[in-house]
Amino acid sequence: MAHPRKTERRLLTDSEVELVEKSRQPVVSALGDGEVNDLVAQLRERRDRAVTIANNQRRALRGKGGRGEVTFDKADSGNRQKASVLTDALTRARREQTRRRTQAARAELVENAHKALELKRDSKRAKRPANLPRPNTGMTPKERTRLERIGSASGEAGRVTKFVAVAQAKKDSRG
């Protein structure tokens, strides 16, 4: 939900207002990549702090042991709203980060496509060797498989033959 700037100024400190203003569009697009990353880190830190304070106040209000005694007047000091404002600013800054990452990935993809096209064009220009008859290298040895190794074990062939003979005898005796 959008927050009026007047409400933002009332809820935030001067440094936080400055951070929130940096997250807005004309300014955030002018920042460098490192500055945007720093902005995201600072906004996340401030937002987490506001959420923690609001949770502690709510906990103390319920009598669950927060910091000091909190009366109802002190409990609602706007930290939930402050966290909401900072969350919106963080969302804007992270959206800019994502946009920049996507733009960089697209530029890299286009650059790689141009390189591939150039390589393809160069390969068509390259002179290939003639397709002349070449000497035959002969047969290549075939590597033995696991089943062949098992079958060559001593006694294995006899065992299988005996198993088949017994099975056939059982079948013949039934019919």
N, C-alpha and C. Protein backbone atom coordinates (compact mmCIF):
# COMPACT_ATOMS: atom_id res chain seq x y z
N MET A 1 0.84 -1.16 0.00
CA MET A 1 0.00 0.00 0.00
C MET A 1 0.89 1.24 0.00
N ALA A 2 0.54 2.20 -0.80
CA ALA A 2 1.32 3.44 -0.88
C ALA A 2 1.10 4.27 0.37
N HIS A 3 2.19 4.88 0.81
CA HIS A 3 2.13 5.73 2.00
C HIS A 3 2.41 7.16 1.57
N PRO A 4 1.60 8.10 2.04
CA PRO A 4 1.89 9.51 1.71
C PRO A 4 3.24 9.92 2.29
N ARG A 5 3.91 10.81 1.62
CA ARG A 5 5.24 11.25 2.07
C ARG A 5 5.16 11.95 3.43
N LYS A 6 4.05 12.59 3.67
CA LYS A 6 3.86 13.26 4.96
C LYS A 6 3.87 12.22 6.09
N THR A 7 3.20 11.09 5.87
CA THR A 7 3.19 10.02 6.86
C THR A 7 4.57 9.41 7.01
N GLU A 8 5.27 9.24 5.89
CA GLU A 8 6.63 8.68 5.95
C GLU A 8 7.54 9.58 6.78
N ARG A 9 7.45 10.90 6.58
CA ARG A 9 8.30 11.83 7.33
C ARG A 9 7.97 11.79 8.82
N ARG A 10 6.69 11.57 9.13
CA ARG A 10 6.29 11.50 10.53
C ARG A 10 6.81 10.22 11.19
N LEU A 11 6.83 9.11 10.45
CA LEU A 11 7.20 7.83 11.03
C LEU A 11 8.71 7.59 11.08
N LEU A 12 9.44 8.13 10.11
CA LEU A 12 10.85 7.79 9.94
C LEU A 12 11.77 8.87 10.47
N THR A 13 13.01 8.46 10.76
CA THR A 13 14.04 9.42 11.12
C THR A 13 14.55 10.07 9.82
N ASP A 14 15.38 11.10 9.97
CA ASP A 14 15.89 11.80 8.79
C ASP A 14 16.72 10.87 7.90
N SER A 15 17.55 10.04 8.50
CA SER A 15 18.38 9.14 7.69
C SER A 15 17.52 8.10 6.98
N GLU A 16 16.45 7.65 7.64
CA GLU A 16 15.56 6.68 7.02
C GLU A 16 14.77 7.32 5.88
N VAL A 17 14.36 8.56 6.05
CA VAL A 17 13.65 9.27 4.97
C VAL A 17 14.57 9.38 3.75
N GLU A 18 15.84 9.66 4.01
CA GLU A 18 16.81 9.76 2.91
C GLU A 18 16.95 8.43 2.18
N LEU A 19 16.99 7.32 2.93
CA LEU A 19 17.08 6.00 2.31
C LEU A 19 15.84 5.70 1.47
N VAL A 20 14.67 6.03 2.02
CA VAL A 20 13.42 5.77 1.30
C VAL A 20 13.37 6.61 0.01
N GLU A 21 13.84 7.85 0.08
CA GLU A 21 13.86 8.70 -1.12
C GLU A 21 14.82 8.13 -2.17
N LYS A 22 15.93 7.55 -1.72
CA LYS A 22 16.88 6.94 -2.66
C LYS A 22 16.27 5.75 -3.38
N SER A 23 15.28 5.11 -2.77
CA SER A 23 14.69 3.91 -3.37
C SER A 23 13.65 4.25 -4.45
N ARG A 24 13.30 5.51 -4.57
CA ARG A 24 12.31 5.91 -5.58
C ARG A 24 12.96 6.00 -6.96
N GLN A 25 12.17 5.90 -8.01
CA GLN A 25 12.66 5.64 -9.34
C GLN A 25 13.67 6.60 -9.96
N PRO A 26 13.49 7.86 -10.01
CA PRO A 26 14.51 8.61 -10.73
C PRO A 26 15.88 8.50 -10.06
N VAL A 27 15.89 8.40 -8.74
CA VAL A 27 17.15 8.38 -8.02
C VAL A 27 17.79 6.99 -8.07
N VAL A 28 17.00 5.94 -7.87
CA VAL A 28 17.55 4.59 -7.78
C VAL A 28 18.16 4.14 -9.11
N SER A 29 17.61 4.59 -10.23
CA SER A 29 18.18 4.19 -11.52
C SER A 29 19.51 4.89 -11.78
N ALA A 30 19.74 6.03 -11.12
CA ALA A 30 21.00 6.75 -11.30
C ALA A 30 22.12 6.19 -10.42
N LEU A 31 21.78 5.39 -9.43
CA LEU A 31 22.78 4.83 -8.54
C LEU A 31 23.56 3.72 -9.24
N GLY A 32 24.77 3.48 -8.77
CA GLY A 32 25.57 2.38 -9.29
C GLY A 32 25.13 1.06 -8.67
N ASP A 33 25.65 -0.05 -9.20
CA ASP A 33 25.26 -1.37 -8.70
C ASP A 33 25.63 -1.54 -7.23
N GLY A 34 26.83 -1.12 -6.86
CA GLY A 34 27.26 -1.24 -5.47
C GLY A 34 26.41 -0.40 -4.53
N GLU A 35 26.04 0.78 -4.99
CA GLU A 35 25.20 1.66 -4.15
C GLU A 35 23.81 1.06 -3.96
N VAL A 36 23.28 0.43 -5.00
CA VAL A 36 21.96 -0.20 -4.87
C VAL A 36 22.04 -1.36 -3.89
N ASN A 37 23.12 -2.14 -3.97
CA ASN A 37 23.29 -3.25 -3.03
C ASN A 37 23.40 -2.74 -1.60
N ASP A 38 24.14 -1.65 -1.39
CA ASP A 38 24.24 -1.06 -0.05
C ASP A 38 22.89 -0.55 0.43
N LEU A 39 22.14 0.07 -0.48
CA LEU A 39 20.81 0.58 -0.13
C LEU A 39 19.90 -0.56 0.32
N VAL A 40 19.92 -1.67 -0.41
CA VAL A 40 19.10 -2.83 -0.03
C VAL A 40 19.49 -3.34 1.35
N ALA A 41 20.79 -3.44 1.60
CA ALA A 41 21.26 -3.93 2.90
C ALA A 41 20.82 -3.00 4.03
N GLN A 42 20.96 -1.70 3.83
CA GLN A 42 20.57 -0.74 4.87
C GLN A 42 19.07 -0.76 5.12
N LEU A 43 18.30 -0.81 4.04
CA LEU A 43 16.84 -0.84 4.20
C LEU A 43 16.40 -2.12 4.91
N ARG A 44 17.02 -3.24 4.57
CA ARG A 44 16.67 -4.50 5.22
C ARG A 44 16.99 -4.45 6.71
N GLU A 45 18.14 -3.88 7.04
CA GLU A 45 18.55 -3.76 8.44
C GLU A 45 17.56 -2.89 9.22
N ARG A 46 17.20 -1.74 8.66
CA ARG A 46 16.26 -0.83 9.33
C ARG A 46 14.88 -1.47 9.48
N ARG A 47 14.43 -2.16 8.42
CA ARG A 47 13.12 -2.81 8.47
C ARG A 47 13.09 -3.89 9.54
N ASP A 48 14.14 -4.73 9.58
CA ASP A 48 14.20 -5.79 10.58
C ASP A 48 14.20 -5.23 12.00
N ARG A 49 14.91 -4.13 12.18
CA ARG A 49 14.95 -3.49 13.50
C ARG A 49 13.56 -2.99 13.90
N ALA A 50 12.85 -2.37 12.96
CA ALA A 50 11.51 -1.86 13.25
C ALA A 50 10.55 -3.00 13.58
N VAL A 51 10.66 -4.11 12.86
CA VAL A 51 9.79 -5.26 13.12
C VAL A 51 10.10 -5.85 14.50
N THR A 52 11.37 -5.95 14.84
CA THR A 52 11.76 -6.49 16.15
C THR A 52 11.23 -5.61 17.28
N ILE A 53 11.37 -4.30 17.14
CA ILE A 53 10.87 -3.38 18.18
C ILE A 53 9.35 -3.50 18.31
N ALA A 54 8.66 -3.56 17.18
CA ALA A 54 7.19 -3.68 17.23
C ALA A 54 6.77 -4.99 17.89
N ASN A 55 7.49 -6.07 17.59
CA ASN A 55 7.16 -7.36 18.21
C ASN A 55 7.40 -7.32 19.71
N ASN A 56 8.51 -6.69 20.11
CA ASN A 56 8.79 -6.58 21.55
C ASN A 56 7.73 -5.75 22.26
N GLN A 57 7.29 -4.66 21.61
CA GLN A 57 6.26 -3.82 22.22
C GLN A 57 4.94 -4.59 22.35
N ARG A 58 4.60 -5.32 21.32
CA ARG A 58 3.35 -6.08 21.37
C ARG A 58 3.44 -7.16 22.44
N ARG A 59 4.59 -7.79 22.56
CA ARG A 59 4.81 -8.82 23.57
C ARG A 59 4.71 -8.24 24.98
N ALA A 60 5.33 -7.08 25.18
CA ALA A 60 5.29 -6.44 26.49
C ALA A 60 3.86 -6.01 26.83
N LEU A 61 3.13 -5.59 25.84
CA LEU A 61 1.75 -5.17 26.06
C LEU A 61 0.89 -6.34 26.54
N ARG A 62 1.19 -7.52 26.06
CA ARG A 62 0.46 -8.70 26.49
C ARG A 62 0.96 -9.23 27.82
N GLY A 63 2.05 -8.64 28.34
CA GLY A 63 2.58 -9.08 29.62
C GLY A 63 3.49 -10.28 29.49
N LYS A 64 4.07 -10.49 28.33
CA LYS A 64 4.92 -11.65 28.10
C LYS A 64 6.39 -11.34 28.34
N GLY A 65 6.69 -10.22 28.89
CA GLY A 65 8.08 -9.92 29.24
C GLY A 65 8.84 -9.26 28.12
N GLY A 66 8.58 -8.02 27.92
CA GLY A 66 9.35 -7.26 26.95
C GLY A 66 10.31 -6.37 27.70
N ARG A 67 10.85 -5.40 27.05
CA ARG A 67 11.77 -4.48 27.71
C ARG A 67 10.98 -3.41 28.45
N GLY A 68 11.08 -3.40 29.74
CA GLY A 68 10.43 -2.37 30.55
C GLY A 68 8.92 -2.48 30.54
N GLU A 69 8.31 -1.62 31.26
CA GLU A 69 6.86 -1.57 31.31
C GLU A 69 6.35 -0.73 30.16
N VAL A 70 5.39 -1.25 29.44
CA VAL A 70 4.84 -0.53 28.29
C VAL A 70 3.36 -0.32 28.54
N THR A 71 2.95 0.91 28.48
CA THR A 71 1.52 1.19 28.59
C THR A 71 0.93 1.19 27.20
N PHE A 72 -0.38 1.26 27.11
CA PHE A 72 -1.03 1.20 25.80
C PHE A 72 -0.64 2.39 24.94
N ASP A 73 -0.45 3.55 25.56
CA ASP A 73 -0.08 4.74 24.79
C ASP A 73 1.29 4.56 24.14
N LYS A 74 2.22 3.97 24.88
CA LYS A 74 3.57 3.80 24.35
C LYS A 74 3.65 2.63 23.38
N ALA A 75 2.76 1.68 23.50
CA ALA A 75 2.87 0.45 22.72
C ALA A 75 2.73 0.72 21.23
N ASP A 76 1.85 1.61 20.85
CA ASP A 76 1.64 1.85 19.43
C ASP A 76 2.39 3.10 19.01
N SER A 77 3.70 2.96 18.88
CA SER A 77 4.50 4.12 18.48
C SER A 77 4.75 4.13 16.99
N GLY A 78 4.03 3.35 16.25
CA GLY A 78 4.11 3.39 14.79
C GLY A 78 5.19 2.51 14.19
N ASN A 79 5.73 1.57 14.95
CA ASN A 79 6.79 0.74 14.41
C ASN A 79 6.29 -0.24 13.35
N ARG A 80 5.05 -0.66 13.45
CA ARG A 80 4.48 -1.52 12.40
C ARG A 80 4.36 -0.72 11.10
N GLN A 81 3.87 0.50 11.21
CA GLN A 81 3.76 1.34 10.02
C GLN A 81 5.15 1.68 9.46
N LYS A 82 6.07 1.93 10.35
CA LYS A 82 7.44 2.22 9.93
C LYS A 82 8.02 1.02 9.17
N ALA A 83 7.79 -0.17 9.69
CA ALA A 83 8.26 -1.38 9.02
C ALA A 83 7.61 -1.53 7.66
N SER A 84 6.34 -1.17 7.57
CA SER A 84 5.63 -1.25 6.29
C SER A 84 6.22 -0.29 5.26
N VAL A 85 6.52 0.93 5.68
CA VAL A 85 7.12 1.92 4.79
C VAL A 85 8.49 1.44 4.32
N LEU A 86 9.29 0.92 5.25
CA LEU A 86 10.62 0.43 4.89
C LEU A 86 10.54 -0.81 4.00
N THR A 87 9.52 -1.64 4.20
CA THR A 87 9.33 -2.81 3.34
C THR A 87 9.02 -2.38 1.91
N ASP A 88 8.18 -1.37 1.78
CA ASP A 88 7.87 -0.86 0.43
C ASP A 88 9.13 -0.32 -0.26
N ALA A 89 9.94 0.41 0.49
CA ALA A 89 11.18 0.95 -0.07
C ALA A 89 12.14 -0.18 -0.44
N LEU A 90 12.21 -1.20 0.41
CA LEU A 90 13.06 -2.36 0.13
C LEU A 90 12.58 -3.09 -1.13
N THR A 91 11.29 -3.19 -1.29
CA THR A 91 10.73 -3.84 -2.48
C THR A 91 11.13 -3.08 -3.75
N ARG A 92 11.05 -1.76 -3.69
CA ARG A 92 11.45 -0.96 -4.85
C ARG A 92 12.93 -1.14 -5.18
N ALA A 93 13.76 -1.14 -4.16
CA ALA A 93 15.21 -1.29 -4.38
C ALA A 93 15.54 -2.68 -4.91
N ARG A 94 14.89 -3.71 -4.38
CA ARG A 94 15.15 -5.07 -4.86
C ARG A 94 14.63 -5.25 -6.29
N ARG A 95 13.53 -4.59 -6.63
CA ARG A 95 13.02 -4.65 -8.00
C ARG A 95 14.05 -4.06 -8.97
N GLU A 96 14.72 -2.98 -8.54
CA GLU A 96 15.77 -2.37 -9.36
C GLU A 96 16.95 -3.33 -9.50
N GLN A 97 17.31 -4.01 -8.41
CA GLN A 97 18.38 -5.01 -8.48
C GLN A 97 18.05 -6.10 -9.49
N THR A 98 16.83 -6.60 -9.43
CA THR A 98 16.40 -7.65 -10.35
C THR A 98 16.41 -7.16 -11.78
N ARG A 99 15.94 -5.93 -11.99
CA ARG A 99 15.93 -5.37 -13.34
C ARG A 99 17.35 -5.29 -13.89
N ARG A 100 18.29 -4.87 -13.05
CA ARG A 100 19.68 -4.75 -13.51
C ARG A 100 20.28 -6.12 -13.81
N ARG A 101 19.98 -7.11 -12.96
CA ARG A 101 20.49 -8.46 -13.22
C ARG A 101 19.93 -9.00 -14.53
N THR A 102 18.65 -8.79 -14.77
CA THR A 102 18.02 -9.27 -16.00
C THR A 102 18.62 -8.57 -17.21
N GLN A 103 18.83 -7.29 -17.10
CA GLN A 103 19.42 -6.52 -18.19
C GLN A 103 20.84 -7.00 -18.49
N ALA A 104 21.62 -7.26 -17.45
CA ALA A 104 23.00 -7.74 -17.64
C ALA A 104 23.00 -9.13 -18.27
N ALA A 105 22.08 -9.99 -17.84
CA ALA A 105 22.01 -11.33 -18.41
C ALA A 105 21.62 -11.27 -19.88
N ARG A 106 20.69 -10.39 -20.20
CA ARG A 106 20.26 -10.26 -21.60
C ARG A 106 21.41 -9.73 -22.45
N ALA A 107 22.16 -8.77 -21.94
CA ALA A 107 23.30 -8.23 -22.69
C ALA A 107 24.36 -9.30 -22.90
N GLU A 108 24.61 -10.12 -21.89
CA GLU A 108 25.58 -11.21 -22.02
C GLU A 108 25.10 -12.23 -23.05
N LEU A 109 23.81 -12.52 -23.05
CA LEU A 109 23.26 -13.47 -24.01
C LEU A 109 23.41 -12.95 -25.43
N VAL A 110 23.14 -11.67 -25.64
CA VAL A 110 23.29 -11.08 -26.98
C VAL A 110 24.75 -11.11 -27.40
N GLU A 111 25.65 -10.80 -26.48
CA GLU A 111 27.08 -10.83 -26.80
C GLU A 111 27.53 -12.24 -27.18
N ASN A 112 27.08 -13.24 -26.44
CA ASN A 112 27.43 -14.62 -26.76
C ASN A 112 26.85 -15.05 -28.11
N ALA A 113 25.65 -14.58 -28.42
CA ALA A 113 25.04 -14.91 -29.71
C ALA A 113 25.85 -14.30 -30.86
N HIS A 114 26.33 -13.07 -30.67
CA HIS A 114 27.16 -12.43 -31.69
C HIS A 114 28.47 -13.19 -31.88
N LYS A 115 29.08 -13.63 -30.78
CA LYS A 115 30.31 -14.41 -30.86
C LYS A 115 30.07 -15.72 -31.61
N ALA A 116 28.97 -16.39 -31.28
CA ALA A 116 28.65 -17.66 -31.93
C ALA A 116 28.43 -17.47 -33.42
N LEU A 117 27.74 -16.39 -33.79
CA LEU A 117 27.51 -16.11 -35.21
C LEU A 117 28.82 -15.85 -35.92
N GLU A 118 29.69 -15.10 -35.27
CA GLU A 118 31.00 -14.82 -35.87
C GLU A 118 31.81 -16.10 -36.05
N LEU A 119 31.78 -16.97 -35.05
CA LEU A 119 32.49 -18.25 -35.16
C LEU A 119 31.91 -19.11 -36.28
N LYS A 120 30.61 -19.08 -36.42
CA LYS A 120 29.97 -19.85 -37.49
C LYS A 120 30.38 -19.32 -38.85
N ARG A 121 30.41 -18.01 -38.98
CA ARG A 121 30.82 -17.41 -40.26
C ARG A 121 32.29 -17.72 -40.56
N ASP A 122 33.14 -17.67 -39.53
CA ASP A 122 34.56 -17.98 -39.72
C ASP A 122 34.75 -19.44 -40.10
N SER A 123 33.94 -20.33 -39.53
CA SER A 123 34.11 -21.75 -39.84
C SER A 123 33.73 -22.07 -41.28
N LYS A 124 32.80 -21.31 -41.85
CA LYS A 124 32.43 -21.53 -43.25
C LYS A 124 33.53 -21.06 -44.19
N ARG A 125 34.28 -20.07 -43.73
CA ARG A 125 35.37 -19.55 -44.56
C ARG A 125 36.62 -20.41 -44.44
N ALA A 126 36.74 -21.19 -43.39
CA ALA A 126 37.95 -21.98 -43.17
C ALA A 126 38.05 -23.08 -44.21
N LYS A 127 39.27 -23.35 -44.65
CA LYS A 127 39.50 -24.40 -45.65
C LYS A 127 39.57 -25.73 -44.93
N ARG A 128 38.75 -26.65 -45.37
CA ARG A 128 38.72 -27.97 -44.75
C ARG A 128 39.63 -28.91 -45.53
N PRO A 129 40.20 -29.90 -44.85
CA PRO A 129 41.04 -30.86 -45.57
C PRO A 129 40.18 -31.71 -46.51
N ALA A 130 40.79 -32.15 -47.60
CA ALA A 130 40.06 -32.96 -48.58
C ALA A 130 39.68 -34.30 -47.95
N ASN A 131 38.59 -34.85 -48.44
CA ASN A 131 38.11 -36.13 -47.93
C ASN A 131 38.75 -37.24 -48.75
N LEU A 132 40.01 -37.53 -48.45
CA LEU A 132 40.76 -38.55 -49.17
C LEU A 132 40.66 -39.88 -48.45
N PRO A 133 40.89 -40.96 -49.18
CA PRO A 133 40.89 -42.25 -48.48
C PRO A 133 42.01 -42.30 -47.46
N ARG A 134 41.73 -42.87 -46.32
CA ARG A 134 42.71 -42.98 -45.24
C ARG A 134 42.87 -44.45 -44.88
N PRO A 135 44.01 -44.80 -44.33
CA PRO A 135 44.20 -46.22 -43.99
C PRO A 135 43.26 -46.64 -42.86
N ASN A 136 42.81 -47.88 -42.93
CA ASN A 136 41.93 -48.43 -41.91
C ASN A 136 42.73 -48.74 -40.67
N THR A 137 42.21 -48.37 -39.52
CA THR A 137 42.94 -48.61 -38.28
C THR A 137 42.71 -50.01 -37.76
N GLY A 138 41.84 -50.78 -38.34
CA GLY A 138 41.59 -52.15 -37.91
C GLY A 138 40.53 -52.24 -36.84
N MET A 139 40.37 -53.43 -36.32
CA MET A 139 39.34 -53.66 -35.30
C MET A 139 39.77 -53.07 -33.97
N THR A 140 38.82 -52.62 -33.21
CA THR A 140 39.10 -52.10 -31.88
C THR A 140 38.62 -53.12 -30.86
N PRO A 141 39.39 -53.37 -29.82
CA PRO A 141 38.96 -54.38 -28.83
C PRO A 141 37.72 -53.91 -28.09
N LYS A 142 36.82 -54.83 -27.86
CA LYS A 142 35.58 -54.53 -27.15
C LYS A 142 35.79 -54.85 -25.68
N GLU A 143 35.42 -53.94 -24.82
CA GLU A 143 35.59 -54.15 -23.39
C GLU A 143 34.57 -55.16 -22.90
N ARG A 144 35.01 -56.01 -22.02
CA ARG A 144 34.12 -57.06 -21.51
C ARG A 144 33.09 -56.46 -20.55
N THR A 145 31.88 -56.94 -20.63
CA THR A 145 30.82 -56.45 -19.75
C THR A 145 30.81 -57.26 -18.46
N ARG A 146 30.03 -56.84 -17.52
CA ARG A 146 29.94 -57.49 -16.22
C ARG A 146 29.38 -58.90 -16.38
N LEU A 147 28.37 -59.08 -17.23
CA LEU A 147 27.76 -60.39 -17.40
C LEU A 147 28.75 -61.39 -17.99
N GLU A 148 29.57 -60.94 -18.89
CA GLU A 148 30.55 -61.85 -19.47
C GLU A 148 31.53 -62.31 -18.40
N ARG A 149 31.90 -61.42 -17.48
CA ARG A 149 32.83 -61.79 -16.42
C ARG A 149 32.19 -62.79 -15.47
N ILE A 150 30.90 -62.62 -15.17
CA ILE A 150 30.22 -63.55 -14.27
C ILE A 150 30.11 -64.92 -14.94
N GLY A 151 29.75 -64.92 -16.22
CA GLY A 151 29.58 -66.17 -16.95
C GLY A 151 30.87 -66.95 -17.06
N SER A 152 31.99 -66.30 -17.01
CA SER A 152 33.26 -67.01 -17.15
C SER A 152 33.77 -67.56 -15.82
N ALA A 153 33.07 -67.27 -14.73
CA ALA A 153 33.50 -67.80 -13.43
C ALA A 153 33.37 -69.32 -13.43
N SER A 154 34.29 -69.96 -12.79
CA SER A 154 34.29 -71.43 -12.81
C SER A 154 33.05 -71.96 -12.10
N GLY A 155 32.41 -72.93 -12.69
CA GLY A 155 31.24 -73.55 -12.10
C GLY A 155 29.94 -72.84 -12.40
N GLU A 156 29.99 -71.63 -12.88
CA GLU A 156 28.76 -70.87 -13.12
C GLU A 156 27.98 -71.49 -14.27
N ALA A 157 28.64 -71.81 -15.35
CA ALA A 157 27.95 -72.38 -16.50
C ALA A 157 27.30 -73.70 -16.14
N GLY A 158 27.99 -74.53 -15.37
CA GLY A 158 27.42 -75.81 -14.98
C GLY A 158 26.22 -75.63 -14.07
N ARG A 159 26.27 -74.68 -13.18
CA ARG A 159 25.15 -74.44 -12.28
C ARG A 159 23.91 -74.02 -13.05
N VAL A 160 24.10 -73.13 -14.01
CA VAL A 160 22.97 -72.66 -14.79
C VAL A 160 22.39 -73.80 -15.62
N THR A 161 23.24 -74.60 -16.22
CA THR A 161 22.78 -75.73 -17.03
C THR A 161 21.97 -76.70 -16.17
N LYS A 162 22.46 -77.00 -14.97
CA LYS A 162 21.76 -77.91 -14.07
C LYS A 162 20.43 -77.32 -13.64
N PHE A 163 20.38 -76.04 -13.36
CA PHE A 163 19.15 -75.36 -12.96
C PHE A 163 18.10 -75.49 -14.06
N VAL A 164 18.50 -75.27 -15.29
CA VAL A 164 17.57 -75.36 -16.42
C VAL A 164 17.09 -76.79 -16.60
N ALA A 165 17.99 -77.75 -16.43
CA ALA A 165 17.61 -79.16 -16.59
C ALA A 165 16.60 -79.58 -15.53
N VAL A 166 16.81 -79.15 -14.28
CA VAL A 166 15.88 -79.48 -13.19
C VAL A 166 14.52 -78.84 -13.46
N ALA A 167 14.52 -77.60 -13.89
CA ALA A 167 13.26 -76.91 -14.18
C ALA A 167 12.50 -77.61 -15.30
N GLN A 168 13.22 -78.04 -16.32
CA GLN A 168 12.57 -78.73 -17.44
C GLN A 168 12.01 -80.07 -16.98
N ALA A 169 12.72 -80.75 -16.12
CA ALA A 169 12.24 -82.05 -15.61
C ALA A 169 10.97 -81.88 -14.80
N LYS A 170 10.90 -80.84 -13.98
CA LYS A 170 9.69 -80.57 -13.21
C LYS A 170 8.52 -80.29 -14.12
N LYS A 171 8.76 -79.57 -15.17
CA LYS A 171 7.70 -79.20 -16.12
C LYS A 171 7.21 -80.44 -16.86
N ASP A 172 8.15 -81.30 -17.24
CA ASP A 172 7.77 -82.53 -17.97
C ASP A 172 6.99 -83.48 -17.10
N SER A 173 7.32 -83.55 -15.81
CA SER A 173 6.63 -84.49 -14.92
C SER A 173 5.19 -84.07 -14.66
N ARG A 174 4.88 -82.80 -14.78
CA ARG A 174 3.52 -82.31 -14.54
C ARG A 174 2.58 -82.69 -15.69
N GLY A 175 3.08 -82.71 -16.85
CA GLY A 175 2.21 -82.81 -18.00
C GLY A 175 2.20 -84.11 -18.64
